[in-house]
Every structure is written in structure tokens, then in C-alpha cells.
Protein backbone atom coordinates (compact mmCIF):
# COMPACT_ATOMS: atom_id res chain seq x y z
CA UNK A 1 81.48 80.70 63.88
CA UNK A 2 79.20 83.65 63.15
CA UNK A 3 76.94 83.38 66.18
CA UNK A 4 78.33 81.22 68.97
CA UNK A 5 75.99 79.28 71.24
CA UNK A 6 76.55 79.44 74.98
CA UNK A 7 75.99 77.34 78.07
CA UNK A 8 76.11 79.09 81.44
CA UNK A 9 77.16 76.81 84.29
CA UNK A 10 75.87 78.35 87.51
CA UNK A 11 72.69 80.32 88.16
CA UNK A 12 74.02 82.64 90.83
CA UNK A 13 74.61 86.40 90.54
CA UNK A 14 76.97 86.26 87.59
CA UNK A 15 75.23 83.39 85.85
CA UNK A 16 71.89 85.17 85.89
CA UNK A 17 73.38 88.32 84.39
CA UNK A 18 75.38 86.43 81.75
CA UNK A 19 72.32 84.48 80.59
CA UNK A 20 70.03 87.53 80.58
CA UNK A 21 72.58 89.72 78.78
CA UNK A 22 73.14 87.08 76.10
CA UNK A 23 69.41 86.73 75.56
CA UNK A 24 68.93 90.48 75.25
CA UNK A 25 71.76 90.60 72.67
CA UNK A 26 70.03 87.86 70.66
CA UNK A 27 72.30 84.91 71.42
CA UNK A 28 71.18 81.40 72.26
CA UNK A 29 72.05 80.61 75.86
CA UNK A 30 71.31 77.66 78.08
CA UNK A 31 71.73 77.88 81.85
CA UNK A 32 72.47 75.05 84.28
CA UNK A 33 72.52 74.80 88.04
CA UNK A 34 72.40 71.91 90.46
CA UNK A 35 69.76 73.81 92.50
CA UNK A 36 66.28 73.34 91.07
CA UNK A 37 65.03 76.36 93.08
CA UNK A 38 67.31 78.62 91.03
CA UNK A 39 66.33 77.03 87.72
CA UNK A 40 62.55 76.58 88.04
CA UNK A 41 61.61 80.32 87.94
CA UNK A 42 63.70 80.72 84.76
CA UNK A 43 61.90 77.74 83.22
CA UNK A 44 58.52 79.20 84.13
CA UNK A 45 59.29 82.67 82.75
CA UNK A 46 61.33 81.49 79.78
CA UNK A 47 64.16 83.84 80.67
CA UNK A 48 65.51 86.42 83.09
CA UNK A 49 64.51 90.03 83.70
CA UNK A 50 67.59 92.26 83.80
CA UNK A 51 67.82 95.75 85.31
CA UNK A 52 70.66 98.19 85.81
CA UNK A 53 73.25 99.17 83.22
CA UNK A 54 71.54 96.91 80.65
CA UNK A 55 67.79 96.42 80.92
CA UNK A 56 65.29 94.08 79.36
CA UNK A 57 64.07 90.50 79.26
CA UNK A 58 66.67 87.98 78.21
CA UNK A 59 65.14 84.89 76.69
CA UNK A 60 66.87 81.65 77.73
CA UNK A 61 66.89 78.71 75.33
CA UNK A 62 66.94 76.14 78.14
CA UNK A 63 67.14 76.21 81.93
CA UNK A 64 68.05 72.82 83.34
CA UNK A 65 69.54 70.80 86.18
CA UNK A 66 70.91 68.32 83.63
CA UNK A 67 74.48 69.31 82.73
CA UNK A 68 74.53 67.07 79.64
CA UNK A 69 71.53 68.93 78.19
CA UNK A 70 73.13 72.26 79.02
CA UNK A 71 76.41 71.72 77.16
CA UNK A 72 75.15 69.65 74.26
CA UNK A 73 75.71 71.43 70.94
CA UNK A 74 77.12 74.68 72.37
CA UNK A 75 80.35 76.39 71.36
CA UNK A 76 81.26 78.11 74.63
CA UNK A 77 80.77 76.84 78.17
CA UNK A 78 80.88 79.79 80.57
CA UNK A 79 81.57 78.52 84.09
CA UNK A 80 80.20 81.12 86.52
CA UNK A 81 80.44 79.45 89.91
CA UNK A 82 82.58 80.02 93.00
CA UNK A 83 86.11 78.86 92.25
CA UNK A 84 85.82 76.38 95.11
CA UNK A 85 83.35 74.48 92.87
CA UNK A 86 85.63 74.32 89.80
CA UNK A 87 86.84 70.82 90.65
CA UNK A 88 83.30 69.41 90.89
CA UNK A 89 82.21 71.22 87.73
CA UNK A 90 85.17 69.81 85.79
CA UNK A 91 84.41 66.28 86.97
CA UNK A 92 80.75 66.66 86.01
CA UNK A 93 81.58 68.18 82.63
CA UNK A 94 84.16 65.55 81.67
CA UNK A 95 81.72 62.87 80.37
CA UNK A 96 79.81 65.39 78.25
CA UNK A 97 82.28 67.79 76.60
CA UNK A 98 82.42 67.79 72.81
CA UNK A 99 85.28 68.32 70.40
CA UNK A 100 86.19 71.97 69.88
CA UNK A 101 84.25 73.42 72.79
CA UNK A 102 85.69 76.31 74.77
CA UNK A 103 85.43 76.34 78.56
CA UNK A 104 85.86 79.77 80.17
CA UNK A 105 86.14 80.21 83.94
CA UNK A 106 84.53 83.49 85.01
CA UNK A 107 86.76 84.03 86.88
CA UNK A 108 89.44 81.41 87.40
CA UNK A 109 90.61 83.11 90.61
CA UNK A 110 94.12 81.68 91.10
CA UNK A 111 95.06 78.68 88.92
CA UNK A 112 91.47 77.67 88.17
CA UNK A 113 92.23 76.87 84.54
CA UNK A 114 95.19 74.75 85.58
CA UNK A 115 93.03 72.81 88.06
CA UNK A 116 90.25 72.22 85.52
CA UNK A 117 92.69 71.26 82.77
CA UNK A 118 94.40 68.75 85.07
CA UNK A 119 91.07 67.11 85.89
CA UNK A 120 89.94 66.90 82.26
CA UNK A 121 93.33 65.45 81.31
CA UNK A 122 92.98 62.83 84.04
CA UNK A 123 89.61 61.87 82.54
CA UNK A 124 91.11 61.60 79.05
CA UNK A 125 89.14 64.48 77.54
CA UNK A 126 91.53 67.41 77.98
CA UNK A 127 92.47 67.33 74.31
CA UNK A 128 88.86 67.79 73.21
CA UNK A 129 88.42 71.27 74.62
CA UNK A 130 90.22 74.54 75.23
CA UNK A 131 90.22 75.77 78.83
CA UNK A 132 90.59 79.48 79.54
CA UNK A 133 90.15 81.74 82.53
CA UNK A 134 89.22 85.39 83.01
CA UNK A 135 91.02 87.42 85.65
CA UNK A 136 87.71 88.64 87.10
CA UNK A 137 83.99 88.70 86.30
CA UNK A 138 83.17 91.20 83.57
CA UNK A 139 80.16 92.44 85.58
CA UNK A 140 79.28 93.69 88.99
CA UNK A 141 76.20 91.51 89.26
CA UNK A 142 73.44 90.68 91.72
CA UNK A 143 70.55 88.26 91.50
CA UNK A 144 67.60 90.28 92.82
CA UNK A 145 64.81 87.70 92.83
CA UNK A 146 63.48 84.61 91.06
CA UNK A 147 64.58 84.94 87.40
CA UNK A 148 65.62 88.53 88.10
CA UNK A 149 69.06 90.15 88.18
CA UNK A 150 70.74 93.53 88.18
CA UNK A 151 73.85 94.50 86.23
CA UNK A 152 75.44 97.09 88.51
CA UNK A 153 78.36 97.63 86.15
CA UNK A 154 79.95 96.28 82.99
CA UNK A 155 83.73 96.68 83.01
CA UNK A 156 85.42 98.65 80.24
CA UNK A 157 86.28 97.25 76.82
CA UNK A 158 89.42 95.14 76.88
CA UNK A 159 89.81 95.57 80.63
CA UNK A 160 89.36 91.96 81.79
CA UNK A 161 92.41 89.87 80.86
CA UNK A 162 91.82 86.33 79.64
CA UNK A 163 94.24 83.51 78.84
CA UNK A 164 93.99 79.91 77.71
CA UNK A 165 96.11 76.83 78.33
CA UNK A 166 98.23 76.66 76.20
CA UNK A 167 98.66 80.40 75.57
CA UNK A 168 98.69 79.96 71.78
CA UNK A 169 94.95 79.19 72.07
CA UNK A 170 94.16 82.56 73.68
CA UNK A 171 93.66 84.46 70.43
CA UNK A 172 91.29 81.75 69.15
CA UNK A 173 89.19 82.05 72.29
CA UNK A 174 89.11 85.85 72.11
CA UNK A 175 88.11 85.73 68.44
CA UNK A 176 84.94 83.94 69.52
CA UNK A 177 84.25 85.84 72.74
CA UNK A 178 84.96 89.35 71.52
CA UNK A 179 82.14 89.12 68.98
CA UNK A 180 79.84 89.15 71.98
CA UNK A 181 81.88 90.48 74.91
CA UNK A 182 84.45 93.15 73.98
CA UNK A 183 85.28 93.47 77.69
CA UNK A 184 87.76 90.58 77.45
CA UNK A 185 91.36 91.41 76.59
CA UNK A 186 94.47 89.33 76.03
CA UNK A 187 96.77 88.14 78.81
CA UNK A 188 100.12 86.53 78.09
CA UNK A 189 99.32 83.42 80.11
CA UNK A 190 97.21 82.08 82.95
CA UNK A 191 99.98 83.19 85.29
CA UNK A 192 98.89 86.76 84.61
CA UNK A 193 95.17 86.13 85.10
CA UNK A 194 95.77 83.97 88.17
CA UNK A 195 98.25 86.17 90.01
CA UNK A 196 96.23 89.35 89.38
CA UNK A 197 93.35 87.98 91.45
CA UNK A 198 92.14 91.09 93.25
CA UNK A 199 89.04 89.48 94.71
CA UNK A 200 91.41 87.59 96.99
CA UNK A 201 92.24 90.96 98.55
CA UNK A 202 89.09 93.10 98.52
CA UNK A 203 86.84 90.24 99.68
CA UNK A 204 88.90 88.59 102.41
CA UNK A 205 90.59 91.08 104.73
CA UNK A 206 87.47 93.31 104.91
CA UNK A 207 85.46 90.26 106.03
CA UNK A 208 87.76 89.85 109.02
CA UNK A 209 87.78 93.54 109.96
CA UNK A 210 83.99 93.77 109.56
CA UNK A 211 83.18 90.42 111.17
CA UNK A 212 81.08 91.95 113.95
CA UNK A 213 79.15 94.08 111.49
CA UNK A 214 78.56 91.10 109.22
CA UNK A 215 77.32 88.82 112.00
CA UNK A 216 75.07 91.52 113.46
CA UNK A 217 73.35 91.57 110.05
CA UNK A 218 73.55 95.35 109.93
CA UNK A 219 73.28 96.47 106.28
CA UNK A 220 76.36 98.31 105.04
CA UNK A 221 78.02 99.18 101.77
CA UNK A 222 80.83 96.70 101.29
CA UNK A 223 83.34 98.92 99.52
CA UNK A 224 82.36 102.43 100.51
CA UNK A 225 81.75 101.71 104.21
CA UNK A 226 83.49 98.41 104.91
CA UNK A 227 86.82 99.40 103.40
CA UNK A 228 87.88 102.31 105.59
CA UNK A 229 91.26 104.04 105.34
CA UNK A 230 92.85 101.62 107.80
CA UNK A 231 91.39 98.55 106.08
CA UNK A 232 92.53 99.90 102.71
CA UNK A 233 96.00 100.30 104.21
CA UNK A 234 96.01 96.58 105.04
CA UNK A 235 94.96 95.81 101.46
CA UNK A 236 97.98 97.74 100.19
CA UNK A 237 100.30 95.61 102.34
CA UNK A 238 98.68 92.37 101.14
CA UNK A 239 98.83 93.64 97.56
CA UNK A 240 102.57 94.21 97.85
CA UNK A 241 103.10 90.62 99.00
CA UNK A 242 100.97 89.35 96.11
CA UNK A 243 103.02 91.39 93.63
CA UNK A 244 106.28 90.06 95.09
CA UNK A 245 105.15 86.46 94.51
CA UNK A 246 103.87 87.40 91.04
CA UNK A 247 107.20 88.90 90.06
CA UNK A 248 109.07 85.84 91.37
CA UNK A 249 107.02 83.49 89.18
CA UNK A 250 107.31 85.77 86.15
CA UNK A 251 103.72 87.01 85.95
CA UNK A 252 102.95 90.45 84.55
CA UNK A 253 101.56 92.10 87.63
CA UNK A 254 100.02 95.45 88.50
CA UNK A 255 98.62 96.99 91.65
CA UNK A 256 95.11 97.04 93.05
CA UNK A 257 94.93 100.76 92.26
CA UNK A 258 95.89 100.06 88.64
CA UNK A 259 93.22 97.36 88.45
CA UNK A 260 90.53 99.80 89.54
CA UNK A 261 91.68 102.25 86.88
CA UNK A 262 91.73 99.57 84.16
CA UNK A 263 88.30 98.23 85.09
CA UNK A 264 86.44 101.43 85.92
CA UNK A 265 88.61 104.33 84.74
CA UNK A 266 89.03 105.68 88.28
CA UNK A 267 92.37 106.94 89.63
CA UNK A 268 93.33 107.48 93.25
CA UNK A 269 96.51 108.28 95.15
CA UNK A 270 95.70 105.43 97.54
CA UNK A 271 93.59 102.29 97.40
CA UNK A 272 91.10 104.01 99.71
CA UNK A 273 90.75 106.99 97.35
CA UNK A 274 90.33 104.78 94.29
CA UNK A 275 87.63 102.66 95.95
CA UNK A 276 85.73 105.65 97.33
CA UNK A 277 85.64 107.32 93.91
CA UNK A 278 84.39 104.22 92.08
CA UNK A 279 80.65 104.78 91.68
CA UNK A 280 80.07 101.19 90.54
CA UNK A 281 81.04 99.98 94.01
CA UNK A 282 78.37 102.11 95.67
CA UNK A 283 75.54 99.64 95.22
CA UNK A 284 77.38 96.58 96.51
CA UNK A 285 76.12 95.64 99.97
CA UNK A 286 78.01 93.54 102.50
CA UNK A 287 77.06 89.95 103.36
CA UNK A 288 75.25 89.04 106.57
CA UNK A 289 77.14 85.85 107.36
CA UNK A 290 80.75 84.72 107.56
CA UNK A 291 79.70 81.48 105.84
CA UNK A 292 80.23 83.24 102.54
CA UNK A 293 82.23 82.87 99.35
CA UNK A 294 84.36 85.88 100.37
CA UNK A 295 85.98 83.48 102.83
CA UNK A 296 85.28 79.98 101.52
CA UNK A 297 86.12 80.82 97.90
CA UNK A 298 88.55 83.71 97.97
CA UNK A 299 90.88 82.38 100.64
CA UNK A 300 91.29 78.74 99.47
CA UNK A 301 91.48 79.74 95.78
CA UNK A 302 93.22 83.09 96.22
CA UNK A 303 95.25 83.77 99.31
CA UNK A 304 96.27 80.14 99.83
CA UNK A 305 97.83 79.69 96.37
CA UNK A 306 99.56 83.08 96.73
CA UNK A 307 101.15 82.02 100.01
CA UNK A 308 101.84 78.44 98.95
CA UNK A 309 103.57 79.60 95.77
CA UNK A 310 105.47 82.11 97.89
CA UNK A 311 106.78 79.26 100.05
CA UNK A 312 107.87 77.34 96.95
CA UNK A 313 109.73 80.35 95.55
CA UNK A 314 111.10 81.57 98.90
CA UNK A 315 109.03 84.78 98.89
CA UNK A 316 107.72 85.69 102.37
CA UNK A 317 103.98 86.39 102.68
CA UNK A 318 103.53 86.81 106.46
CA UNK A 319 100.50 89.09 106.29
CA UNK A 320 98.65 86.98 103.74
CA UNK A 321 99.25 83.97 105.98
CA UNK A 322 97.97 85.95 108.96
CA UNK A 323 94.68 86.69 107.17
CA UNK A 324 94.33 82.99 106.30
CA UNK A 325 94.96 82.04 109.95
CA UNK A 326 92.54 84.55 111.47
CA UNK A 327 89.80 83.71 108.95
CA UNK A 328 90.29 80.01 109.72
CA UNK A 329 89.77 80.75 113.41
CA UNK A 330 86.65 82.79 112.72
CA UNK A 331 84.92 80.09 110.66
CA UNK A 332 86.45 77.12 112.53
CA UNK A 333 87.82 75.65 109.29
CA UNK A 334 91.39 75.00 108.21
CA UNK A 335 91.22 77.07 105.01
CA UNK A 336 94.78 76.19 104.07
CA UNK A 337 94.04 72.45 104.03
CA UNK A 338 91.13 72.89 101.60
CA UNK A 339 92.99 75.41 99.44
CA UNK A 340 94.84 75.24 96.15
CA UNK A 341 98.33 74.54 97.38
CA UNK A 342 101.22 73.92 95.00
CA UNK A 343 101.06 70.25 95.99
CA UNK A 344 97.44 69.92 94.87
CA UNK A 345 98.12 71.83 91.65
CA UNK A 346 101.04 69.62 90.68
CA UNK A 347 103.53 72.48 91.02
CA UNK A 348 105.48 71.14 93.98
CA UNK A 349 109.22 71.05 93.31
CA UNK A 350 108.98 73.10 90.10
CA UNK A 351 111.12 76.14 89.43
CA UNK A 352 109.66 79.48 88.36
CA UNK A 353 110.84 78.76 84.81
CA UNK A 354 109.09 75.38 84.78
CA UNK A 355 105.85 76.93 86.07
CA UNK A 356 106.06 79.56 83.33
CA UNK A 357 106.50 76.83 80.72
CA UNK A 358 103.52 74.91 82.06
CA UNK A 359 101.30 78.02 81.95
CA UNK A 360 102.39 78.98 78.43
CA UNK A 361 102.74 75.61 76.73
CA UNK A 362 100.44 73.45 78.83
CA UNK A 363 103.24 71.04 79.62
CA UNK A 364 106.66 71.09 81.25
């Protein structure tokens, strides 16, 4: 496969940048979204104008609200939607996937690949495709207008771990992706990509501690102003609980500080120092509503599976559960009930060894 063809599922921040970047690099890319308002400007312009780290006009082969048209004849399906939409995307993709296609979740958050694989298997098409997940998005990305986007940062080469189910397929996926995106590196299994979900930390707790600021719609820099020393201290506590669950399930884990160094080359004695010295974070502004993916994606598909897996493996996560509870009160939604619990993921009653086997081999 000399020049893979891509479909981008999702025309949000990341989807816009993926499609534009591919077009600028000379690759055929189609982009799909359920929202015609996001797709129509791309259809009219024939592509997306990209600014920032990479600049130029990225031609798009097709912009459509028809998912069948989007995935027909492509080699790689890049799913770039909130993880809370993975289930719907998998159900909509199932009738249209073709033999040998690769589906990559950007990112999977926690156990996204497992959820998607389970759905495709239930539809009888899981054997047709390879499902993989990235640990995080390879960009800091923002959609800036109709058919316009800004790449605030592109993470370092090899810095974004990726794994497939089963793990033996990972190298095949990377062989295709690394021709285009050297940012992806190899993870041992989806346990590693799933348990090293740092968005579940840096997006959720700061939303709670900045709730008044968010709802007052006062512009502020998310990382450099919203994550103060005290908030960063809370992130360190949550990170320790995440690492304890990760170690119990056998995932290769590392700290939030180590993640920042791997992604951006920035070191800091504390999480606060590392965040403040990361220039790429400087342009990221905070949201102006609590009805945001930082709560409705990152808690159900991040903090909830951390805590639920902790319960299964007898690892206490009291502070993670506290964040889930307070966020649920703020948005008047039971975030645990809509989250990826071990019961919903088919992990209930399994031992750590059995979960490892499922992640590595794709079966118990």
C-alpha cells in the first residue's frame, strides 16, 4: 500500500485538521459528519484552510453526510469524534466496512477500541477489519471557522502510543500509518493506550474548579490560567489513583508529567511546572459552558472506567469517584450510569490476567 486512502469520521476540531493536513501532504481524504452545517462549507470550498504549525489549503476528495460514501474504497478510517460517540459510529459503520480496512480511534480514551470491536463482532463484521486506538490526538487542534482550522501543535515523532486488537496487528497498522504520520508509536496493547488517558485528568477536574469562570463566559487560558498550583496538585492525586489501577491490571503506565515530556519535550518538577512551561498549551482557551465534552466525554469514557476497573480489582479510587460525583451534580446527569463500566465492556468478573489476555489476543 504505497499511498493509503483515508476517511475522516467527524468534522470537529481534530477532524478538520486531519483532513486538511492529509490534503496538504498530497493524500486522498474524505470527510464525514452527521451535521450538514459542518460539511457544506468544505463542499463549497473543496477543502479546508489550515493555519498554525502547518499552513496551506488541504484539498478534500469528498465531504459528505453519507457514511457509506465516506468509507467506500478507503484503506484507513480515522474516527475523530468524542469517545461518547464511538458506539454510534461503530453501529453506523458496521453495514459498510470492507475487508482489510483499518479503523483507528483518535483517541480511544479508555477502552474505546474494545467497545468498537465488541459492537462490530456483534454485527458479524469484526473479522473484516482491524480496530486500533491512539492514546491521544496527535494534534492540538481547533476549528476556527467554516472550512478553516488551526494546528496549534503536532506532537513529537513516536510520542503517541497506538495499539490494535489483537496486539499482533499493531505493527501492520503502524506500517501503514507511519508513512503519513510518524507521530504514532507502538504500545504493547490497548491496556496501555486506554489506561494512559490523560485527557480524563486535565479536562475534568479543572472544569469543576473553574465552573464559575466557565459559566460566566469569561475568556481564559485553559491550561496556563485554569490549572493553578492547587488544581495541578489535585491532578497529581488523581494521576496516582489512575496509575494504581493501571499497575493492577498490568498496563505499562507513566505519570502525567512524563506524558507532557514525551509529547512536547517539556520537563517540570511538578505537574504545574510542566504545564506552565508547555508553550503549545498557551493558545488553548477554556470552554464557556459545562455542557461540554470535557465532562460528557472525558468522565464517562475516562474517569468512570478507571474507577469501575478499580472496583473490580479492589483498588480504591476515592478522589476519582469524588470528581465523578461532583461533576454529576453540576450537570444534573448521572455520569456513572452513562459511562463505560466493566459491566458494559464485558469485563465484569474477569481477573487482571484475563483482561490482559483479552487486550492482547482479542479473546479470553
